Protein backbone atom coordinates (compact mmCIF):
# COMPACT_ATOMS: atom_id res chain seq x y z
CA MET A 1 44.64 -39.54 31.41
CA SER A 2 41.93 -38.77 33.96
CA THR A 3 38.60 -40.56 33.61
CA ASP A 4 36.89 -38.23 36.06
CA PRO A 5 33.64 -37.09 34.35
CA ALA A 6 34.10 -33.50 35.53
CA ALA A 7 37.66 -33.36 34.15
CA LEU A 8 36.55 -34.88 30.84
CA ALA A 9 33.71 -32.36 30.56
CA ARG A 10 36.11 -29.51 31.31
CA ARG A 11 38.56 -30.61 28.60
CA ARG A 12 35.67 -30.94 26.16
CA ASP A 13 34.52 -27.40 26.98
CA LEU A 14 38.03 -26.04 26.43
CA ARG A 15 38.22 -27.70 23.00
CA LEU A 16 34.82 -26.26 22.10
CA ILE A 17 35.84 -22.76 23.21
CA LEU A 18 38.85 -22.94 20.87
CA THR A 19 36.66 -24.24 18.03
CA ASP A 20 34.21 -21.40 18.59
CA GLY A 21 37.09 -18.92 18.31
CA LEU A 22 38.18 -20.32 14.96
CA ALA A 23 34.63 -20.28 13.58
CA PHE A 24 34.20 -16.70 14.85
CA SER A 25 37.39 -15.67 13.04
CA VAL A 26 35.95 -16.87 9.72
CA MET A 27 32.93 -14.63 10.23
CA VAL A 28 35.11 -11.59 10.98
CA GLY A 29 37.68 -12.13 8.23
CA MET A 30 35.22 -13.11 5.47
CA GLY A 31 32.23 -11.01 6.47
CA GLU A 32 32.65 -8.02 8.74
CA ALA A 33 35.94 -6.86 7.21
CA TYR A 34 34.34 -6.52 3.75
CA ILE A 35 30.97 -4.86 4.48
CA ALA A 36 32.28 -1.40 3.53
CA ALA A 37 33.84 -2.82 0.36
CA PHE A 38 30.49 -4.41 -0.52
CA ALA A 39 28.71 -1.06 -0.20
CA LEU A 40 31.20 0.40 -2.67
CA ALA A 41 30.77 -2.52 -5.06
CA LEU A 42 27.01 -1.92 -5.03
CA GLY A 43 27.64 1.67 -6.09
CA LEU A 44 26.21 3.17 -2.89
CA GLY A 45 29.02 5.70 -2.59
CA GLU A 46 31.91 6.51 -0.29
CA VAL A 47 29.86 8.14 2.47
CA VAL A 48 27.56 5.13 2.79
CA ALA A 49 30.61 2.84 2.83
CA GLY A 50 31.98 4.83 5.76
CA LEU A 51 28.77 5.17 7.75
CA VAL A 52 27.70 1.53 7.37
CA VAL A 53 30.47 0.46 9.77
CA THR A 54 29.68 3.10 12.42
CA VAL A 55 25.98 4.00 12.57
CA PRO A 56 24.88 0.39 13.30
CA LEU A 57 27.10 0.37 16.41
CA LEU A 58 24.61 2.61 18.19
CA ALA A 59 22.04 -0.20 18.09
CA GLY A 60 24.63 -2.47 19.66
CA GLY A 61 25.30 0.01 22.43
CA LEU A 62 21.58 0.22 23.17
CA LEU A 63 21.01 -3.53 23.02
CA GLN A 64 23.74 -4.12 25.61
CA LEU A 65 21.45 -2.39 28.09
CA VAL A 66 18.87 -5.16 27.75
CA THR A 67 21.34 -8.05 27.91
CA PRO A 68 20.73 -8.68 31.64
CA ALA A 69 16.97 -8.79 30.99
CA GLY A 70 17.52 -11.15 28.06
CA VAL A 71 19.59 -13.50 30.20
CA ARG A 72 16.89 -13.49 32.90
CA TRP A 73 14.17 -14.07 30.27
CA LEU A 74 15.97 -17.10 28.82
CA ARG A 75 17.27 -18.14 32.26
CA SER A 76 20.64 -18.87 30.73
CA ARG A 77 23.70 -16.98 29.56
CA ARG A 78 24.39 -19.81 27.12
CA ARG A 79 20.97 -19.52 25.47
CA TRP A 80 21.31 -15.75 25.18
CA THR A 81 24.79 -16.03 23.64
CA VAL A 82 23.67 -18.74 21.20
CA LEU A 83 20.63 -16.65 20.21
CA CYS A 84 22.82 -13.61 19.53
CA ALA A 85 25.35 -15.69 17.57
CA SER A 86 22.55 -17.19 15.46
CA LEU A 87 21.15 -13.74 14.70
CA GLN A 88 24.62 -12.61 13.64
CA ALA A 89 24.81 -15.49 11.18
CA LEU A 90 21.37 -14.62 9.78
CA ALA A 91 22.43 -10.98 9.30
CA PHE A 92 24.58 -12.05 6.34
CA ALA A 93 21.62 -13.60 4.49
CA PRO A 94 20.25 -10.33 3.00
CA LEU A 95 23.78 -9.23 2.08
CA ALA A 96 24.44 -12.49 0.21
CA ALA A 97 21.00 -12.36 -1.44
CA GLY A 98 21.59 -8.78 -2.56
CA ALA A 99 24.99 -9.72 -3.95
CA LEU A 100 23.45 -12.55 -5.98
CA ALA A 101 20.65 -10.28 -7.20
CA GLY A 102 23.15 -7.60 -8.17
CA ARG A 103 21.48 -4.85 -6.18
CA LEU A 104 20.57 -3.92 -2.62
CA PRO A 105 19.30 -0.56 -1.36
CA ALA A 106 21.34 1.33 1.21
CA TRP A 107 18.68 0.94 3.90
CA ALA A 108 18.86 -2.86 3.57
CA VAL A 109 22.65 -2.84 3.94
CA PHE A 110 22.31 -0.65 7.04
CA ALA A 111 19.60 -2.93 8.45
CA ALA A 112 21.74 -6.04 7.99
CA ALA A 113 24.80 -4.35 9.48
CA THR A 114 22.71 -3.11 12.41
CA GLY A 115 21.48 -6.63 13.13
CA TYR A 116 25.02 -7.95 12.89
CA TRP A 117 26.64 -5.50 15.30
CA ALA A 118 23.71 -5.32 17.70
CA ALA A 119 23.68 -9.10 18.13
CA GLY A 120 27.45 -9.26 18.49
CA MET A 121 27.69 -6.52 21.10
CA ALA A 122 24.77 -7.97 23.06
CA ALA A 123 26.48 -11.36 23.24
CA GLY A 124 29.74 -10.04 24.68
CA PRO A 125 28.80 -9.38 28.34
CA ALA A 126 26.99 -12.71 28.76
CA TRP A 127 29.80 -14.65 27.07
CA ASN A 128 32.43 -13.07 29.33
CA VAL A 129 30.64 -14.14 32.51
CA TRP A 130 29.71 -17.58 31.17
CA VAL A 131 33.18 -18.52 29.91
CA GLU A 132 34.79 -17.42 33.18
CA ARG A 133 33.05 -20.33 34.88
CA LEU A 134 34.15 -22.86 32.27
CA VAL A 135 37.90 -22.20 32.28
CA PRO A 136 39.83 -23.10 35.46
CA ARG A 137 41.45 -20.06 37.08
CA GLN A 138 44.96 -21.53 37.04
CA VAL A 139 45.04 -21.89 33.24
CA ARG A 140 42.99 -18.87 32.13
CA LEU A 141 45.82 -16.59 31.04
CA ARG A 142 47.59 -19.29 29.05
CA PHE A 143 44.37 -20.69 27.58
CA PHE A 144 42.93 -17.36 26.41
CA ALA A 145 46.30 -16.29 25.02
CA ARG A 146 46.21 -19.47 22.93
CA ARG A 147 42.61 -18.84 21.87
CA THR A 148 43.39 -15.25 20.88
CA GLY A 149 46.35 -16.43 18.79
CA LEU A 150 44.14 -18.94 16.97
CA VAL A 151 41.48 -16.28 16.31
CA GLN A 152 44.05 -13.82 14.97
CA LEU A 153 45.53 -16.47 12.68
CA GLY A 154 42.04 -17.41 11.52
CA VAL A 155 41.19 -13.80 10.71
CA LEU A 156 44.40 -13.35 8.69
CA VAL A 157 43.77 -16.54 6.71
CA SER A 158 40.14 -15.51 6.14
CA LEU A 159 41.19 -12.05 4.94
CA VAL A 160 43.54 -13.65 2.41
CA GLY A 161 40.91 -16.16 1.29
CA SER A 162 38.31 -13.43 0.84
CA ALA A 163 40.68 -11.30 -1.22
CA ALA A 164 41.41 -14.30 -3.45
CA VAL A 165 37.69 -14.97 -4.00
CA LEU A 166 36.93 -11.31 -4.76
CA GLU A 167 39.87 -10.96 -7.16
CA TRP A 168 38.82 -14.12 -8.98
CA ALA A 169 35.19 -12.97 -9.21
CA THR A 170 36.25 -9.52 -10.42
CA ALA A 171 38.49 -11.02 -13.10
CA ALA A 172 35.57 -13.22 -14.20
CA GLY A 173 33.37 -10.14 -14.57
CA HIS A 174 31.05 -10.95 -11.64
CA PRO A 175 32.47 -9.12 -8.59
CA LEU A 176 29.23 -9.23 -6.59
CA ARG A 177 29.13 -13.02 -6.79
CA GLY A 178 32.41 -13.00 -4.93
CA PHE A 179 30.77 -11.05 -2.11
CA ALA A 180 27.89 -13.54 -2.06
CA ALA A 181 30.41 -16.36 -1.60
CA ILE A 182 32.34 -14.75 1.24
CA PHE A 183 29.18 -13.62 3.06
CA LEU A 184 27.77 -17.14 2.88
CA ALA A 185 31.07 -18.44 4.25
CA ALA A 186 30.89 -15.87 7.06
CA ALA A 187 27.32 -16.93 7.88
CA LEU A 188 28.39 -20.58 7.92
CA GLY A 189 31.29 -19.74 10.22
CA ARG A 190 29.03 -18.04 12.76
CA ALA A 191 26.44 -20.82 12.44
CA VAL A 192 29.13 -23.34 13.35
CA SER A 193 30.14 -21.04 16.20
CA ALA A 194 26.55 -20.95 17.49
CA ARG A 195 26.32 -24.73 17.32
CA VAL A 196 29.59 -25.12 19.22
CA LEU A 197 28.47 -22.58 21.83
CA ALA A 198 25.26 -24.55 22.35
CA ALA A 199 27.30 -27.70 22.99
CA GLN A 200 29.29 -26.16 25.84
CA SER A 201 28.42 -26.67 29.49
CA GLU A 202 26.82 -24.04 31.66
CA SER A 203 27.36 -23.91 35.39
CA PRO A 204 24.54 -22.67 37.64
CA GLN A 205 24.38 -18.90 37.77
CA ALA A 206 25.54 -17.45 41.06
CA GLY A 207 25.01 -14.11 42.67
CA GLN A 208 22.92 -11.11 41.78
CA PRO A 209 23.73 -8.53 39.11
CA PRO A 210 25.92 -5.69 40.40
CA PRO A 211 23.93 -2.67 41.57
CA GLY A 212 23.39 0.14 39.12
CA MET A 213 24.04 3.83 39.61
CA SER A 214 21.63 6.72 39.41
CA PRO A 215 22.13 9.19 36.54
CA ARG A 216 23.21 11.82 39.07
CA ALA A 217 25.82 9.49 40.59
CA LEU A 218 27.10 8.59 37.12
CA LEU A 219 27.43 12.24 36.17
CA ARG A 220 29.25 13.00 39.42
CA GLU A 221 31.70 10.14 38.82
CA PHE A 222 32.31 11.22 35.22
CA ARG A 223 33.02 14.77 36.32
CA GLY A 224 35.21 14.16 39.33
CA GLY A 225 36.43 10.59 39.62
CA GLU A 226 39.68 9.27 38.19
CA GLY A 227 37.80 6.75 36.08
CA GLY A 228 35.34 9.41 34.96
CA ARG A 229 38.11 11.68 33.69
CA LEU A 230 39.55 8.76 31.72
CA LEU A 231 36.17 7.95 30.17
CA VAL A 232 35.54 11.60 29.20
CA TYR A 233 38.90 11.68 27.43
CA LEU A 234 38.16 8.42 25.64
CA LEU A 235 34.76 9.62 24.42
CA ALA A 236 36.28 12.82 23.04
CA PHE A 237 39.15 10.90 21.46
CA THR A 238 36.77 8.39 19.86
CA THR A 239 34.77 11.24 18.34
CA SER A 240 37.91 12.81 16.88
CA VAL A 241 39.20 9.49 15.54
CA THR A 242 35.97 8.51 13.81
CA VAL A 243 35.82 11.75 11.86
CA ALA A 244 38.29 9.96 9.55
CA SER A 245 38.68 6.27 10.46
CA PRO A 246 35.46 4.93 8.80
CA TYR A 247 36.56 6.42 5.50
CA PHE A 248 39.90 4.62 5.12
CA SER A 249 38.21 1.71 3.31
CA PRO A 250 36.52 3.89 0.66
CA PHE A 251 39.70 5.94 0.36
CA MET A 252 41.74 2.83 -0.46
CA LEU A 253 39.20 1.13 -2.71
CA ALA A 254 37.36 4.02 -4.41
CA ARG A 255 39.91 6.83 -4.45
CA LEU A 256 43.26 5.01 -4.67
CA ARG A 257 41.65 2.11 -6.58
CA PHE A 258 43.63 -0.52 -4.74
CA SER A 259 42.92 -4.14 -5.59
CA TYR A 260 41.36 -6.40 -2.97
CA TRP A 261 44.80 -7.96 -2.55
CA GLU A 262 46.30 -4.58 -1.67
CA TYR A 263 43.37 -3.69 0.57
CA MET A 264 43.69 -7.00 2.42
CA ALA A 265 47.45 -6.57 2.76
CA LEU A 266 47.10 -3.14 4.39
CA VAL A 267 44.38 -4.27 6.78
CA GLY A 268 46.35 -7.41 7.62
CA THR A 269 49.55 -5.44 8.18
CA ALA A 270 47.94 -3.30 10.89
CA LEU A 271 46.42 -6.40 12.47
CA LEU A 272 49.72 -8.29 12.48
CA ALA A 273 51.63 -5.31 13.90
CA LYS A 274 49.07 -4.97 16.67
CA VAL A 275 49.32 -8.65 17.59
CA LEU A 276 53.12 -8.63 17.71
CA VAL A 277 53.35 -5.42 19.74
CA LEU A 278 50.66 -6.41 22.23
CA SER A 279 52.72 -9.34 23.45
CA GLN A 280 55.55 -6.98 24.44
CA LEU A 281 53.57 -4.29 26.23
CA ALA A 282 53.40 -5.80 29.72
CA ARG A 283 57.12 -5.26 30.36
CA ALA A 284 56.97 -1.70 29.01
CA ALA A 285 53.97 -0.92 31.20
CA ARG A 286 55.73 -2.19 34.32
CA ARG A 287 58.74 -0.04 33.50
CA PHE A 288 57.13 3.21 32.37
CA GLY A 289 53.57 3.06 33.73
CA LEU A 290 50.16 3.13 32.08
CA ASP A 291 49.85 6.93 32.14
CA ALA A 292 53.02 7.29 30.06
CA MET A 293 51.83 4.63 27.63
CA LEU A 294 48.48 6.38 27.16
CA ARG A 295 50.23 9.66 26.36
CA LEU A 296 52.63 7.95 23.97
CA ALA A 297 49.69 6.33 22.18
CA TRP A 298 47.94 9.70 21.82
CA PHE A 299 51.08 11.22 20.33
CA GLY A 300 51.53 8.35 17.88
CA ILE A 301 47.89 8.27 16.76
CA LEU A 302 47.13 11.98 16.41
CA GLY A 303 48.94 12.58 13.11
CA LEU A 304 48.17 9.32 11.31
CA PRO A 305 45.28 10.56 9.11
CA ALA A 306 47.30 13.56 7.90
CA LEU A 307 50.23 11.27 7.07
CA TRP A 308 47.99 9.37 4.63
CA LEU A 309 48.00 12.54 2.53
CA VAL A 310 51.80 12.66 2.17
CA SER A 311 52.00 9.77 -0.29
CA GLN A 312 49.71 7.09 -1.64
CA ALA A 313 52.52 4.66 -2.49
CA PHE A 314 51.64 1.17 -1.25
CA GLY A 315 54.93 0.65 0.60
CA TYR A 316 54.57 3.97 2.43
CA LEU A 317 51.00 3.17 3.48
CA ALA A 318 52.08 -0.29 4.66
CA LEU A 319 54.65 1.39 6.91
CA LEU A 320 51.94 3.69 8.25
CA GLN A 321 49.81 0.64 9.02
CA VAL A 322 52.67 -0.85 11.05
CA ILE A 323 52.92 2.39 13.01
CA SER A 324 49.13 2.50 13.38
CA GLY A 325 48.94 -1.06 14.70
CA THR A 326 51.76 -0.36 17.15
CA PHE A 327 50.23 2.73 18.71
CA TRP A 328 46.67 1.39 18.70
CA ALA A 329 47.88 -1.70 20.55
CA THR A 330 49.51 0.59 23.11
CA GLN A 331 46.33 2.65 23.41
CA GLU A 332 44.02 -0.31 23.97
CA TYR A 333 46.35 -2.05 26.40
CA ALA A 334 46.75 1.08 28.55
CA VAL A 335 43.08 2.02 28.38
CA PHE A 336 41.64 -1.29 29.48
CA LEU A 337 44.04 -1.71 32.38
CA LEU A 338 43.48 1.89 33.49
CA LEU A 339 39.73 1.27 33.41
CA PHE A 340 40.14 -1.59 35.86
CA GLU A 341 42.41 0.44 38.13
CA THR A 342 40.64 3.79 38.22
CA ILE A 343 37.03 2.59 38.51
CA PRO A 344 36.06 0.87 41.79
CA ALA A 345 34.68 -2.63 41.33
CA ALA A 346 31.30 -1.70 42.85
CA ARG A 347 30.75 0.98 40.18
CA ARG A 348 32.56 -0.67 37.28
CA VAL A 349 29.63 -2.41 35.57
CA ALA A 350 27.38 0.66 35.67
CA MET A 351 30.09 3.02 34.47
CA LEU A 352 31.36 0.74 31.71
CA THR A 353 27.82 0.15 30.48
CA ALA A 354 27.30 3.91 30.30
CA TYR A 355 30.68 4.27 28.59
CA ASN A 356 29.89 1.60 25.98
CA LEU A 357 26.71 3.43 25.04
CA GLY A 358 28.53 6.75 25.05
CA ASN A 359 31.33 5.29 22.93
CA ALA A 360 28.83 4.07 20.33
CA LEU A 361 27.23 7.51 20.28
CA ALA A 362 30.66 9.17 19.97
CA THR A 363 31.53 6.84 17.08
CA VAL A 364 28.35 7.72 15.22
CA THR A 365 28.77 11.43 15.95
CA GLY A 366 32.35 11.49 14.69
CA SER A 367 31.49 9.62 11.50
CA LEU A 368 28.55 11.94 10.78
CA ILE A 369 30.81 14.97 11.30
CA GLY A 370 33.25 13.38 8.86
CA ALA A 371 30.46 12.82 6.33
CA ALA A 372 29.37 16.45 6.63
CA ILE A 373 32.93 17.73 6.16
CA PHE A 374 33.44 15.38 3.21
CA HIS A 375 30.29 16.73 1.55
CA LEU A 376 31.05 20.40 2.27
CA ALA A 377 34.58 20.01 0.88
CA GLY A 378 33.18 18.84 -2.44
CA GLN A 379 33.81 15.12 -1.91
CA GLY A 380 36.53 13.48 -4.01
CA MET A 381 40.16 13.91 -2.96
CA ALA A 382 39.43 17.34 -1.48
CA GLY A 383 36.92 15.72 0.86
CA TYR A 384 39.49 13.20 2.12
CA VAL A 385 42.06 15.94 2.66
CA ALA A 386 39.49 17.83 4.73
CA ILE A 387 38.40 14.93 6.95
CA PHE A 388 41.93 13.57 7.50
CA ALA A 389 43.21 17.03 8.46
CA ALA A 390 40.18 17.71 10.67
CA SER A 391 40.57 14.40 12.46
CA SER A 392 44.27 15.01 13.18
CA ALA A 393 43.50 18.49 14.51
CA ALA A 394 40.68 17.21 16.72
CA ARG A 395 42.91 14.44 18.11
CA ALA A 396 45.53 17.04 19.01
CA LEU A 397 42.97 19.08 20.97
CA CYS A 398 42.15 16.05 23.12
CA VAL A 399 45.45 16.56 24.96
CA VAL A 400 43.61 19.00 27.25
CA LEU A 401 41.47 16.13 28.56
CA LEU A 402 44.33 13.61 28.48
CA LEU A 403 46.42 15.67 30.90
CA ARG A 404 43.62 15.38 33.48
CA VAL A 405 43.90 11.58 33.53
CA ARG A 406 45.86 10.17 36.43
CA GLY A 407 46.11 6.39 36.68
CA ALA A 408 46.43 4.42 39.88
CA GLN A 409 50.05 3.79 40.86
CA ARG A 410 50.03 0.05 40.45
CA VAL A 411 51.93 -2.39 38.30
CA PRO A 412 49.90 -3.64 35.30
CA ARG A 413 48.44 -7.06 35.86
CA PRO A 414 48.67 -9.90 33.33
CA VAL A 415 45.58 -10.04 31.14
CA SER A 416 44.54 -11.72 27.90
CA PHE A 417 42.75 -9.91 25.09
CA ARG A 418 40.25 -11.20 22.55
CA LEU A 419 39.78 -9.99 18.99
CA ASP A 420 36.43 -8.21 18.79
CA ALA A 421 36.43 -6.65 15.31
CA VAL A 422 38.61 -5.55 12.40
CA ARG A 423 39.03 -1.90 11.42
CA PRO A 424 41.08 -0.93 8.32
CA GLY A 425 42.73 2.09 9.95
CA MET A 426 43.76 0.40 13.19
CA GLY A 427 43.89 -3.35 12.62
CA ALA A 428 41.95 -5.38 15.14
CA VAL A 429 39.75 -4.04 17.91
CA LEU A 430 40.88 -5.91 21.01
CA LYS A 431 38.99 -6.25 24.28
CA PRO A 432 40.13 -7.87 27.53
CA VAL A 433 38.90 -11.28 28.59
CA LEU A 434 37.54 -10.31 32.00
CA ALA A 435 38.07 -13.80 33.37
CA THR A 436 41.86 -13.35 33.11
CA VAL A 437 42.05 -10.20 35.24
CA ARG A 438 43.61 -11.19 38.56
CA ARG A 439 45.04 -8.76 41.07
CA GLY A 440 47.27 -11.29 42.78
CA ARG A 441 49.06 -12.30 39.58
CA TRP A 442 49.71 -8.60 38.93
CA ARG A 443 51.56 -8.11 42.21
CA ALA A 444 53.56 -11.28 41.62
CA ALA A 445 54.67 -9.84 38.28
CA GLN A 446 55.84 -6.70 40.07
CA ARG A 447 57.99 -8.75 42.44
CA ARG A 448 59.53 -10.72 39.56
CA GLU A 449 60.30 -7.53 37.66
CA ALA A 450 62.05 -6.05 40.71
CA ARG A 451 64.51 -8.96 41.00
């Protein structure tokens, strides 16, 4: 074994990055995944339970804009990431306190959720750049694939553990105490994550931030560029999806009255399907192309909300979750690789920053439209029929924008994804680890596939 100090420090950093991933997974599986369920347990209603997982995302989209300034202010990407992780841990404190007290107003739940998602989304860009300099290029794909697998396993175990705690607390007649326990565990997980992040090395920052784009240039690119057409489609599709997707949790828990075990099983089924399918998509992309995969994903996703109305049998819904995880994995894989191929590197940061903000706004807009439809339809089962049907119809209309998308004619490059969040209707939200995107490895894959 090498005794070189640099090699020892690098191995230590790699161990800490894996440990951070496991601690992060506890926060997601025991905290984030149950915020909507907590709103229902407090008696805040189905609309609040849906909106509490979407409206706070807008704050995250806005806070991402100040991340570069925050990094410059602290003179360190590590300090900024640790600060954001610590704030995420603290966001669970009012939720746990409210659970112990037996009451918490809706505005306080929204405030805590806003702090949670804003801090998490602000940490992402700085973490991506920082970790790229800690992991050697030659092992990045393999290392981040391993880290992602550990995180996914940790989330699944945490989901099961949370369901067990909540079922036990409910049987004991104190369901809110169960939420206090899992939120405290989530806070502890992120606190450990922050401590581990602080212990990692940080190489000297190099280079200047990429140049921005004027609003006029951004608008021109969105209207005419290949990447712009893709982003316009994605914003419209996100709006149509979130008319219904935030309301799957209240539908399962409040309308179908599923137990926490059943709720966890359905969420975990979509997550597991997504994980298994994602590992097989590279070969399919090289054979059929990213454009074809994006269209297939649209076709598979558009009717999912309406299919929830066919039957409410648990086995049938579990099958739908497998289908959902499969097509959402296809969607996210194709989208992220198309983003890298259709947007020139010089404009990528500016356009993706604008897209992230637009995506948060689209998410909030769609969920508010869903809330309005739910209310106008008289709430109850009629409200769910209305929003699920409306979402499916809106997704179908997005085909007009989808047909304008033309991806670059290149073979998909190898890339690793990281688990970013958990959504009941689609499993995990996965995002690429930017450090693993390498053009050369992509072309090598093309040559191997041709043999």
